[in-house]
Amino acid sequence: MADLLLNILSLGLKPLYEKHLAYYKIITEFRDKLPRPQNQAKTISDEEKDQHPLLSDLKYMHIVNLSTHKVSVSEADIDKFYNQLNNFDYRFILFKKYYRKFTNNLNRFNPKATNKDFHLVMVQNIIKGDPLHPLEPFDILVFHLKWEYKMTSKIYVWFLDRRRKKIH
């Protein structure tokens, strides 16, 4: 009986996971086309900031030299990426608000946007993935359990406080 219940549960969850995975595949396919670390934009060092008359006041800011970014992505690839994101079907997806917010953030840097402020460096930093903005389906579930849902986030914060008190 337990096997039957697990089979029914897994059949119900499979389409949900596949939708999340499809969104993740769109991101990773485009991320794989972006420049490797040796061809990415270089950050300006503190010595270079001190030598520059305008940047000397911005010592604590992270400044990127966009001219060092070597791009081999075609406009067709960029258009395909944004079309896939904008036409993504959110019907059977658990965290619609999170995914739409992520897509809207990427659309700010769309070359066809009204502000015409397209920088592939910014898009690359957004889709890089970090603990505060996860991209993998399971990591998004864990993120929501840790921080978004009040019942589970209060328990997680209590656990972090307790662990911090034990350390100190």
N, C-alpha and C. Protein backbone atom coordinates (compact mmCIF):
# COMPACT_ATOMS: atom_id res chain seq x y z
N MET A 1 0.81 -1.19 0.00
CA MET A 1 0.00 0.00 0.00
C MET A 1 0.86 1.26 0.00
N ALA A 2 1.97 1.22 0.76
CA ALA A 2 2.86 2.38 0.82
C ALA A 2 3.51 2.62 -0.54
N ASP A 3 3.86 1.53 -1.24
CA ASP A 3 4.46 1.69 -2.57
C ASP A 3 3.48 2.35 -3.54
N LEU A 4 2.23 1.99 -3.45
CA LEU A 4 1.21 2.57 -4.31
C LEU A 4 1.06 4.07 -4.04
N LEU A 5 1.05 4.43 -2.76
CA LEU A 5 0.95 5.86 -2.40
C LEU A 5 2.16 6.64 -2.89
N LEU A 6 3.35 6.08 -2.73
CA LEU A 6 4.56 6.76 -3.21
C LEU A 6 4.57 6.90 -4.72
N ASN A 7 4.09 5.89 -5.44
CA ASN A 7 4.02 5.97 -6.90
C ASN A 7 3.04 7.06 -7.34
N ILE A 8 1.89 7.13 -6.69
CA ILE A 8 0.91 8.16 -7.03
C ILE A 8 1.47 9.55 -6.71
N LEU A 9 2.13 9.68 -5.56
CA LEU A 9 2.72 10.96 -5.18
C LEU A 9 3.81 11.38 -6.15
N SER A 10 4.66 10.44 -6.55
CA SER A 10 5.73 10.78 -7.48
C SER A 10 5.20 11.14 -8.86
N LEU A 11 4.13 10.49 -9.30
CA LEU A 11 3.53 10.83 -10.58
C LEU A 11 2.90 12.22 -10.54
N GLY A 12 2.41 12.64 -9.38
CA GLY A 12 1.85 13.97 -9.25
C GLY A 12 2.91 15.06 -9.17
N LEU A 13 4.07 14.73 -8.61
CA LEU A 13 5.14 15.72 -8.46
C LEU A 13 6.03 15.82 -9.70
N LYS A 14 6.05 14.79 -10.50
CA LYS A 14 6.93 14.79 -11.67
C LYS A 14 6.67 15.95 -12.63
N PRO A 15 5.42 16.25 -13.00
CA PRO A 15 5.20 17.40 -13.91
C PRO A 15 5.62 18.73 -13.29
N LEU A 16 5.45 18.86 -11.98
CA LEU A 16 5.88 20.10 -11.32
C LEU A 16 7.39 20.25 -11.40
N TYR A 17 8.11 19.17 -11.11
CA TYR A 17 9.56 19.23 -11.15
C TYR A 17 10.06 19.48 -12.58
N GLU A 18 9.41 18.87 -13.56
CA GLU A 18 9.83 19.04 -14.95
C GLU A 18 9.69 20.49 -15.41
N LYS A 19 8.64 21.19 -14.94
CA LYS A 19 8.48 22.61 -15.31
C LYS A 19 9.59 23.46 -14.70
N HIS A 20 9.92 23.19 -13.44
CA HIS A 20 11.01 23.91 -12.80
C HIS A 20 12.33 23.62 -13.50
N LEU A 21 12.52 22.38 -13.87
CA LEU A 21 13.74 21.98 -14.57
C LEU A 21 13.83 22.62 -15.95
N ALA A 22 12.69 22.77 -16.63
CA ALA A 22 12.69 23.41 -17.95
C ALA A 22 13.15 24.86 -17.85
N TYR A 23 12.71 25.57 -16.83
CA TYR A 23 13.15 26.96 -16.62
C TYR A 23 14.65 27.00 -16.34
N TYR A 24 15.10 26.09 -15.50
CA TYR A 24 16.52 26.03 -15.16
C TYR A 24 17.37 25.71 -16.40
N LYS A 25 16.87 24.86 -17.28
CA LYS A 25 17.62 24.51 -18.50
C LYS A 25 17.74 25.71 -19.44
N ILE A 26 16.72 26.55 -19.50
CA ILE A 26 16.80 27.77 -20.32
C ILE A 26 17.95 28.63 -19.82
N ILE A 27 18.04 28.80 -18.52
CA ILE A 27 19.10 29.62 -17.92
C ILE A 27 20.47 29.00 -18.16
N THR A 28 20.61 27.71 -17.91
CA THR A 28 21.92 27.08 -18.03
C THR A 28 22.40 27.00 -19.48
N GLU A 29 21.50 26.79 -20.42
CA GLU A 29 21.92 26.76 -21.83
C GLU A 29 22.48 28.11 -22.25
N PHE A 30 21.85 29.19 -21.81
CA PHE A 30 22.36 30.51 -22.15
C PHE A 30 23.65 30.81 -21.38
N ARG A 31 23.71 30.39 -20.13
CA ARG A 31 24.90 30.63 -19.31
C ARG A 31 26.12 29.91 -19.91
N ASP A 32 25.90 28.74 -20.51
CA ASP A 32 27.01 28.01 -21.13
C ASP A 32 27.55 28.71 -22.37
N LYS A 33 26.74 29.55 -23.00
CA LYS A 33 27.19 30.29 -24.18
C LYS A 33 27.96 31.55 -23.82
N LEU A 34 27.88 31.98 -22.58
CA LEU A 34 28.54 33.21 -22.16
C LEU A 34 30.03 32.98 -21.99
N PRO A 35 30.81 34.06 -21.94
CA PRO A 35 32.27 33.93 -21.85
C PRO A 35 32.74 33.19 -20.60
N ARG A 36 33.84 32.51 -20.75
CA ARG A 36 34.47 31.81 -19.64
C ARG A 36 35.13 32.85 -18.71
N PRO A 37 35.53 32.43 -17.51
CA PRO A 37 36.09 33.40 -16.55
C PRO A 37 37.28 34.21 -17.07
N GLN A 38 38.12 33.62 -17.90
CA GLN A 38 39.28 34.36 -18.41
C GLN A 38 38.87 35.45 -19.41
N ASN A 39 37.67 35.37 -19.98
CA ASN A 39 37.21 36.37 -20.94
C ASN A 39 36.18 37.32 -20.34
N GLN A 40 35.89 37.20 -19.05
CA GLN A 40 34.90 38.06 -18.42
C GLN A 40 35.50 39.43 -18.14
N ALA A 41 34.62 40.36 -17.85
CA ALA A 41 35.05 41.73 -17.54
C ALA A 41 35.87 41.73 -16.25
N LYS A 42 36.92 42.49 -16.25
CA LYS A 42 37.82 42.58 -15.10
C LYS A 42 37.38 43.71 -14.18
N THR A 43 37.56 43.49 -12.89
CA THR A 43 37.27 44.56 -11.93
C THR A 43 38.47 45.48 -11.83
N ILE A 44 38.20 46.71 -11.52
CA ILE A 44 39.26 47.71 -11.39
C ILE A 44 39.85 47.60 -10.00
N SER A 45 41.18 47.52 -9.91
CA SER A 45 41.85 47.35 -8.62
C SER A 45 41.89 48.68 -7.86
N ASP A 46 42.25 48.60 -6.59
CA ASP A 46 42.32 49.80 -5.76
C ASP A 46 43.41 50.76 -6.24
N GLU A 47 44.51 50.23 -6.75
CA GLU A 47 45.58 51.09 -7.26
C GLU A 47 45.11 51.88 -8.48
N GLU A 48 44.37 51.21 -9.36
CA GLU A 48 43.84 51.90 -10.55
C GLU A 48 42.81 52.95 -10.16
N LYS A 49 42.03 52.67 -9.12
CA LYS A 49 41.06 53.67 -8.65
C LYS A 49 41.77 54.90 -8.09
N ASP A 50 42.88 54.68 -7.37
CA ASP A 50 43.63 55.81 -6.80
C ASP A 50 44.24 56.68 -7.89
N GLN A 51 44.65 56.09 -9.00
CA GLN A 51 45.28 56.84 -10.08
C GLN A 51 44.26 57.62 -10.91
N HIS A 52 43.04 57.15 -10.94
CA HIS A 52 42.00 57.80 -11.74
C HIS A 52 41.39 58.96 -10.94
N PRO A 53 41.26 60.16 -11.56
CA PRO A 53 40.75 61.32 -10.79
C PRO A 53 39.29 61.19 -10.35
N LEU A 54 38.44 60.56 -11.15
CA LEU A 54 37.03 60.45 -10.79
C LEU A 54 36.74 59.25 -9.90
N LEU A 55 37.46 58.18 -10.08
CA LEU A 55 37.19 56.95 -9.34
C LEU A 55 37.85 56.90 -7.97
N SER A 56 38.72 57.86 -7.67
CA SER A 56 39.43 57.82 -6.39
C SER A 56 38.49 57.96 -5.21
N ASP A 57 37.35 58.59 -5.38
CA ASP A 57 36.39 58.74 -4.29
C ASP A 57 35.54 57.48 -4.08
N LEU A 58 35.57 56.55 -5.02
CA LEU A 58 34.72 55.36 -4.97
C LEU A 58 35.52 54.12 -4.56
N LYS A 59 36.27 54.22 -3.48
CA LYS A 59 37.16 53.13 -3.09
C LYS A 59 36.42 51.86 -2.68
N TYR A 60 35.25 52.01 -2.10
CA TYR A 60 34.55 50.83 -1.57
C TYR A 60 33.50 50.27 -2.53
N MET A 61 33.48 50.77 -3.75
CA MET A 61 32.52 50.27 -4.74
C MET A 61 33.20 49.26 -5.66
N HIS A 62 32.44 48.32 -6.12
CA HIS A 62 32.91 47.30 -7.06
C HIS A 62 32.70 47.85 -8.47
N ILE A 63 33.78 48.17 -9.17
CA ILE A 63 33.70 48.78 -10.49
C ILE A 63 34.26 47.80 -11.52
N VAL A 64 33.51 47.62 -12.61
CA VAL A 64 33.88 46.66 -13.64
C VAL A 64 34.24 47.41 -14.91
N ASN A 65 35.34 47.00 -15.54
CA ASN A 65 35.76 47.57 -16.81
C ASN A 65 35.09 46.77 -17.93
N LEU A 66 34.05 47.34 -18.53
CA LEU A 66 33.27 46.63 -19.55
C LEU A 66 34.05 46.40 -20.84
N SER A 67 35.09 47.16 -21.08
CA SER A 67 35.85 46.99 -22.32
C SER A 67 36.67 45.70 -22.32
N THR A 68 36.88 45.08 -21.17
CA THR A 68 37.65 43.83 -21.11
C THR A 68 36.77 42.60 -21.27
N HIS A 69 35.48 42.80 -21.47
CA HIS A 69 34.54 41.67 -21.61
C HIS A 69 34.53 41.20 -23.07
N LYS A 70 34.98 39.98 -23.31
CA LYS A 70 35.03 39.43 -24.66
C LYS A 70 33.82 38.54 -24.88
N VAL A 71 32.94 38.94 -25.79
CA VAL A 71 31.67 38.26 -25.99
C VAL A 71 31.66 37.53 -27.32
N SER A 72 31.16 36.30 -27.30
CA SER A 72 31.03 35.53 -28.54
C SER A 72 29.59 35.07 -28.74
N VAL A 73 28.64 35.72 -28.06
CA VAL A 73 27.24 35.36 -28.16
C VAL A 73 26.60 36.20 -29.26
N SER A 74 25.84 35.54 -30.13
CA SER A 74 25.20 36.27 -31.22
C SER A 74 23.89 36.89 -30.75
N GLU A 75 23.39 37.83 -31.54
CA GLU A 75 22.12 38.47 -31.21
C GLU A 75 20.97 37.48 -31.28
N ALA A 76 21.08 36.50 -32.15
CA ALA A 76 20.03 35.48 -32.26
C ALA A 76 19.94 34.66 -30.97
N ASP A 77 21.10 34.34 -30.37
CA ASP A 77 21.10 33.61 -29.11
C ASP A 77 20.45 34.43 -27.99
N ILE A 78 20.75 35.70 -27.95
CA ILE A 78 20.18 36.58 -26.93
C ILE A 78 18.68 36.71 -27.13
N ASP A 79 18.24 36.89 -28.38
CA ASP A 79 16.81 36.99 -28.67
C ASP A 79 16.08 35.69 -28.31
N LYS A 80 16.70 34.56 -28.63
CA LYS A 80 16.09 33.27 -28.31
C LYS A 80 15.95 33.10 -26.80
N PHE A 81 16.97 33.50 -26.06
CA PHE A 81 16.94 33.40 -24.60
C PHE A 81 15.80 34.24 -24.02
N TYR A 82 15.70 35.49 -24.44
CA TYR A 82 14.65 36.36 -23.91
C TYR A 82 13.26 35.91 -24.37
N ASN A 83 13.14 35.40 -25.58
CA ASN A 83 11.84 34.88 -26.04
C ASN A 83 11.41 33.66 -25.22
N GLN A 84 12.36 32.78 -24.93
CA GLN A 84 12.02 31.61 -24.12
C GLN A 84 11.60 32.02 -22.71
N LEU A 85 12.30 32.99 -22.14
CA LEU A 85 11.93 33.44 -20.79
C LEU A 85 10.58 34.13 -20.77
N ASN A 86 10.35 35.00 -21.74
CA ASN A 86 9.10 35.76 -21.75
C ASN A 86 7.89 34.93 -22.14
N ASN A 87 8.10 33.85 -22.88
CA ASN A 87 6.99 33.00 -23.29
C ASN A 87 6.89 31.72 -22.45
N PHE A 88 7.57 31.69 -21.33
CA PHE A 88 7.55 30.51 -20.47
C PHE A 88 6.16 30.35 -19.85
N ASP A 89 5.68 29.11 -19.81
CA ASP A 89 4.35 28.82 -19.27
C ASP A 89 4.47 28.53 -17.76
N TYR A 90 3.89 29.41 -16.94
CA TYR A 90 3.99 29.29 -15.49
C TYR A 90 2.81 28.52 -14.88
N ARG A 91 2.03 27.83 -15.67
CA ARG A 91 0.81 27.20 -15.16
C ARG A 91 1.07 26.18 -14.06
N PHE A 92 1.94 25.23 -14.29
CA PHE A 92 2.16 24.15 -13.32
C PHE A 92 3.51 24.34 -12.64
N ILE A 93 3.70 25.49 -12.03
CA ILE A 93 4.96 25.77 -11.36
C ILE A 93 4.63 26.27 -9.95
N LEU A 94 5.40 25.86 -8.98
CA LEU A 94 5.08 26.16 -7.59
C LEU A 94 5.34 27.61 -7.19
N PHE A 95 6.45 28.16 -7.55
CA PHE A 95 6.85 29.49 -7.08
C PHE A 95 6.78 30.48 -8.24
N LYS A 96 5.58 30.73 -8.72
CA LYS A 96 5.39 31.60 -9.88
C LYS A 96 5.93 32.99 -9.63
N LYS A 97 5.68 33.53 -8.45
CA LYS A 97 6.10 34.89 -8.12
C LYS A 97 7.63 35.00 -8.18
N TYR A 98 8.33 34.02 -7.65
CA TYR A 98 9.79 34.02 -7.66
C TYR A 98 10.34 33.99 -9.09
N TYR A 99 9.78 33.09 -9.90
CA TYR A 99 10.27 32.96 -11.27
C TYR A 99 9.93 34.19 -12.11
N ARG A 100 8.76 34.75 -11.93
CA ARG A 100 8.40 35.97 -12.67
C ARG A 100 9.28 37.14 -12.25
N LYS A 101 9.58 37.23 -10.96
CA LYS A 101 10.46 38.30 -10.48
C LYS A 101 11.86 38.14 -11.07
N PHE A 102 12.33 36.90 -11.15
CA PHE A 102 13.64 36.64 -11.74
C PHE A 102 13.64 37.01 -13.22
N THR A 103 12.58 36.65 -13.95
CA THR A 103 12.47 36.98 -15.36
C THR A 103 12.39 38.50 -15.56
N ASN A 104 11.63 39.18 -14.72
CA ASN A 104 11.54 40.64 -14.82
C ASN A 104 12.89 41.30 -14.55
N ASN A 105 13.66 40.75 -13.64
CA ASN A 105 14.98 41.28 -13.37
C ASN A 105 15.88 41.12 -14.60
N LEU A 106 15.79 39.98 -15.27
CA LEU A 106 16.58 39.78 -16.49
C LEU A 106 16.08 40.67 -17.63
N ASN A 107 14.78 40.92 -17.67
CA ASN A 107 14.22 41.77 -18.73
C ASN A 107 14.66 43.22 -18.61
N ARG A 108 15.13 43.63 -17.45
CA ARG A 108 15.67 44.99 -17.32
C ARG A 108 16.87 45.20 -18.22
N PHE A 109 17.58 44.11 -18.52
CA PHE A 109 18.78 44.19 -19.34
C PHE A 109 18.57 43.62 -20.74
N ASN A 110 17.33 43.51 -21.14
CA ASN A 110 17.00 43.06 -22.49
C ASN A 110 17.46 44.13 -23.49
N PRO A 111 18.12 43.74 -24.58
CA PRO A 111 18.56 44.75 -25.55
C PRO A 111 17.40 45.50 -26.19
N LYS A 112 16.21 44.92 -26.17
CA LYS A 112 15.06 45.59 -26.77
C LYS A 112 14.24 46.35 -25.73
N ALA A 113 14.75 46.49 -24.52
CA ALA A 113 14.03 47.21 -23.47
C ALA A 113 14.01 48.71 -23.78
N THR A 114 13.12 49.42 -23.11
CA THR A 114 12.97 50.85 -23.39
C THR A 114 14.16 51.67 -22.92
N ASN A 115 14.87 51.20 -21.88
CA ASN A 115 16.00 52.00 -21.39
C ASN A 115 17.28 51.81 -22.20
N LYS A 116 17.31 50.81 -23.07
CA LYS A 116 18.47 50.53 -23.94
C LYS A 116 19.76 50.40 -23.14
N ASP A 117 19.67 49.77 -21.99
CA ASP A 117 20.82 49.63 -21.10
C ASP A 117 21.22 48.17 -21.03
N PHE A 118 21.64 47.61 -22.15
CA PHE A 118 21.98 46.19 -22.21
C PHE A 118 23.46 46.00 -21.95
N HIS A 119 23.75 45.25 -20.89
CA HIS A 119 25.12 44.88 -20.59
C HIS A 119 25.12 43.39 -20.29
N LEU A 120 25.80 42.65 -21.09
CA LEU A 120 25.86 41.20 -20.92
C LEU A 120 26.55 40.83 -19.61
N VAL A 121 27.38 41.72 -19.10
CA VAL A 121 28.05 41.47 -17.82
C VAL A 121 27.01 41.37 -16.71
N MET A 122 26.03 42.25 -16.73
CA MET A 122 25.00 42.24 -15.69
C MET A 122 24.14 40.98 -15.80
N VAL A 123 23.79 40.60 -17.02
CA VAL A 123 23.00 39.38 -17.22
C VAL A 123 23.79 38.18 -16.71
N GLN A 124 25.07 38.15 -16.98
CA GLN A 124 25.90 37.04 -16.53
C GLN A 124 25.97 36.99 -15.01
N ASN A 125 26.04 38.13 -14.36
CA ASN A 125 26.07 38.14 -12.89
C ASN A 125 24.74 37.69 -12.30
N ILE A 126 23.64 38.00 -12.95
CA ILE A 126 22.33 37.61 -12.43
C ILE A 126 22.12 36.11 -12.55
N ILE A 127 22.48 35.53 -13.69
CA ILE A 127 22.21 34.10 -13.88
C ILE A 127 23.33 33.21 -13.36
N LYS A 128 24.30 33.81 -12.70
CA LYS A 128 25.40 33.04 -12.12
C LYS A 128 24.89 32.11 -11.03
N GLY A 129 23.92 32.56 -10.28
CA GLY A 129 23.36 31.75 -9.20
C GLY A 129 24.15 31.93 -7.93
N ASP A 130 23.46 32.27 -6.87
CA ASP A 130 24.08 32.40 -5.56
C ASP A 130 23.07 31.97 -4.50
N PRO A 131 23.49 31.83 -3.25
CA PRO A 131 22.55 31.35 -2.22
C PRO A 131 21.33 32.24 -2.01
N LEU A 132 21.45 33.54 -2.27
CA LEU A 132 20.31 34.43 -2.09
C LEU A 132 19.36 34.43 -3.27
N HIS A 133 19.82 34.00 -4.43
CA HIS A 133 18.99 33.91 -5.64
C HIS A 133 19.26 32.59 -6.34
N PRO A 134 18.80 31.48 -5.75
CA PRO A 134 19.10 30.17 -6.35
C PRO A 134 18.36 29.96 -7.67
N LEU A 135 18.89 29.06 -8.46
CA LEU A 135 18.29 28.75 -9.77
C LEU A 135 17.84 27.30 -9.89
N GLU A 136 18.49 26.40 -9.21
CA GLU A 136 18.13 24.99 -9.32
C GLU A 136 16.82 24.73 -8.59
N PRO A 137 15.98 23.86 -9.13
CA PRO A 137 14.64 23.64 -8.54
C PRO A 137 14.65 23.26 -7.06
N PHE A 138 15.52 22.33 -6.68
CA PHE A 138 15.54 21.91 -5.28
C PHE A 138 16.05 23.03 -4.37
N ASP A 139 17.05 23.80 -4.86
CA ASP A 139 17.57 24.91 -4.07
C ASP A 139 16.52 26.00 -3.86
N ILE A 140 15.66 26.20 -4.85
CA ILE A 140 14.58 27.19 -4.71
C ILE A 140 13.58 26.72 -3.66
N LEU A 141 13.28 25.44 -3.63
CA LEU A 141 12.39 24.90 -2.60
C LEU A 141 12.99 25.10 -1.22
N VAL A 142 14.25 24.79 -1.05
CA VAL A 142 14.91 24.97 0.24
C VAL A 142 14.95 26.45 0.62
N PHE A 143 15.23 27.33 -0.34
CA PHE A 143 15.24 28.77 -0.08
C PHE A 143 13.89 29.24 0.43
N HIS A 144 12.82 28.79 -0.20
CA HIS A 144 11.48 29.20 0.24
C HIS A 144 11.16 28.64 1.62
N LEU A 145 11.58 27.43 1.90
CA LEU A 145 11.33 26.87 3.23
C LEU A 145 12.12 27.62 4.30
N LYS A 146 13.35 28.02 3.97
CA LYS A 146 14.18 28.72 4.95
C LYS A 146 13.72 30.15 5.20
N TRP A 147 13.34 30.87 4.14
CA TRP A 147 13.16 32.31 4.28
C TRP A 147 11.77 32.84 3.95
N GLU A 148 11.01 32.20 3.09
CA GLU A 148 9.77 32.79 2.61
C GLU A 148 8.53 32.40 3.43
N TYR A 149 8.40 31.16 3.82
CA TYR A 149 7.22 30.72 4.56
C TYR A 149 7.42 30.97 6.04
N LYS A 150 6.48 31.70 6.65
CA LYS A 150 6.66 32.14 8.03
C LYS A 150 6.85 30.99 9.01
N MET A 151 6.06 29.95 8.87
CA MET A 151 6.12 28.86 9.83
C MET A 151 7.50 28.18 9.81
N THR A 152 8.03 27.90 8.66
CA THR A 152 9.33 27.23 8.58
C THR A 152 10.49 28.20 8.75
N SER A 153 10.32 29.45 8.33
CA SER A 153 11.42 30.41 8.46
C SER A 153 11.66 30.79 9.92
N LYS A 154 10.60 30.86 10.72
CA LYS A 154 10.78 31.16 12.15
C LYS A 154 11.56 30.05 12.83
N ILE A 155 11.28 28.82 12.46
CA ILE A 155 12.02 27.69 13.03
C ILE A 155 13.48 27.75 12.60
N TYR A 156 13.73 28.06 11.34
CA TYR A 156 15.10 28.13 10.84
C TYR A 156 15.88 29.26 11.51
N VAL A 157 15.26 30.42 11.66
CA VAL A 157 15.92 31.55 12.32
C VAL A 157 16.20 31.21 13.78
N TRP A 158 15.25 30.56 14.45
CA TRP A 158 15.47 30.13 15.83
C TRP A 158 16.66 29.17 15.91
N PHE A 159 16.73 28.25 14.96
CA PHE A 159 17.85 27.30 14.93
C PHE A 159 19.18 28.02 14.71
N LEU A 160 19.22 29.02 13.82
CA LEU A 160 20.45 29.77 13.60
C LEU A 160 20.86 30.55 14.84
N ASP A 161 19.90 31.17 15.51
CA ASP A 161 20.21 31.90 16.75
C ASP A 161 20.74 30.97 17.83
N ARG A 162 20.14 29.83 17.94
CA ARG A 162 20.58 28.86 18.94
C ARG A 162 22.00 28.37 18.65
N ARG A 163 22.26 28.11 17.38
CA ARG A 163 23.61 27.65 16.99
C ARG A 163 24.65 28.75 17.21
N ARG A 164 24.26 29.99 16.91
CA ARG A 164 25.17 31.13 17.11
C ARG A 164 25.48 31.31 18.61
N LYS A 165 24.49 31.14 19.47
CA LYS A 165 24.70 31.27 20.91
C LYS A 165 25.61 30.18 21.43
N LYS A 166 25.51 28.97 20.88
CA LYS A 166 26.38 27.88 21.32
C LYS A 166 27.83 28.13 20.94
N ILE A 167 28.05 28.76 19.78
CA ILE A 167 29.40 29.04 19.32
C ILE A 167 30.05 30.11 20.17
N HIS A 168 29.29 31.13 20.54
CA HIS A 168 29.85 32.25 21.32
C HIS A 168 29.68 32.01 22.75
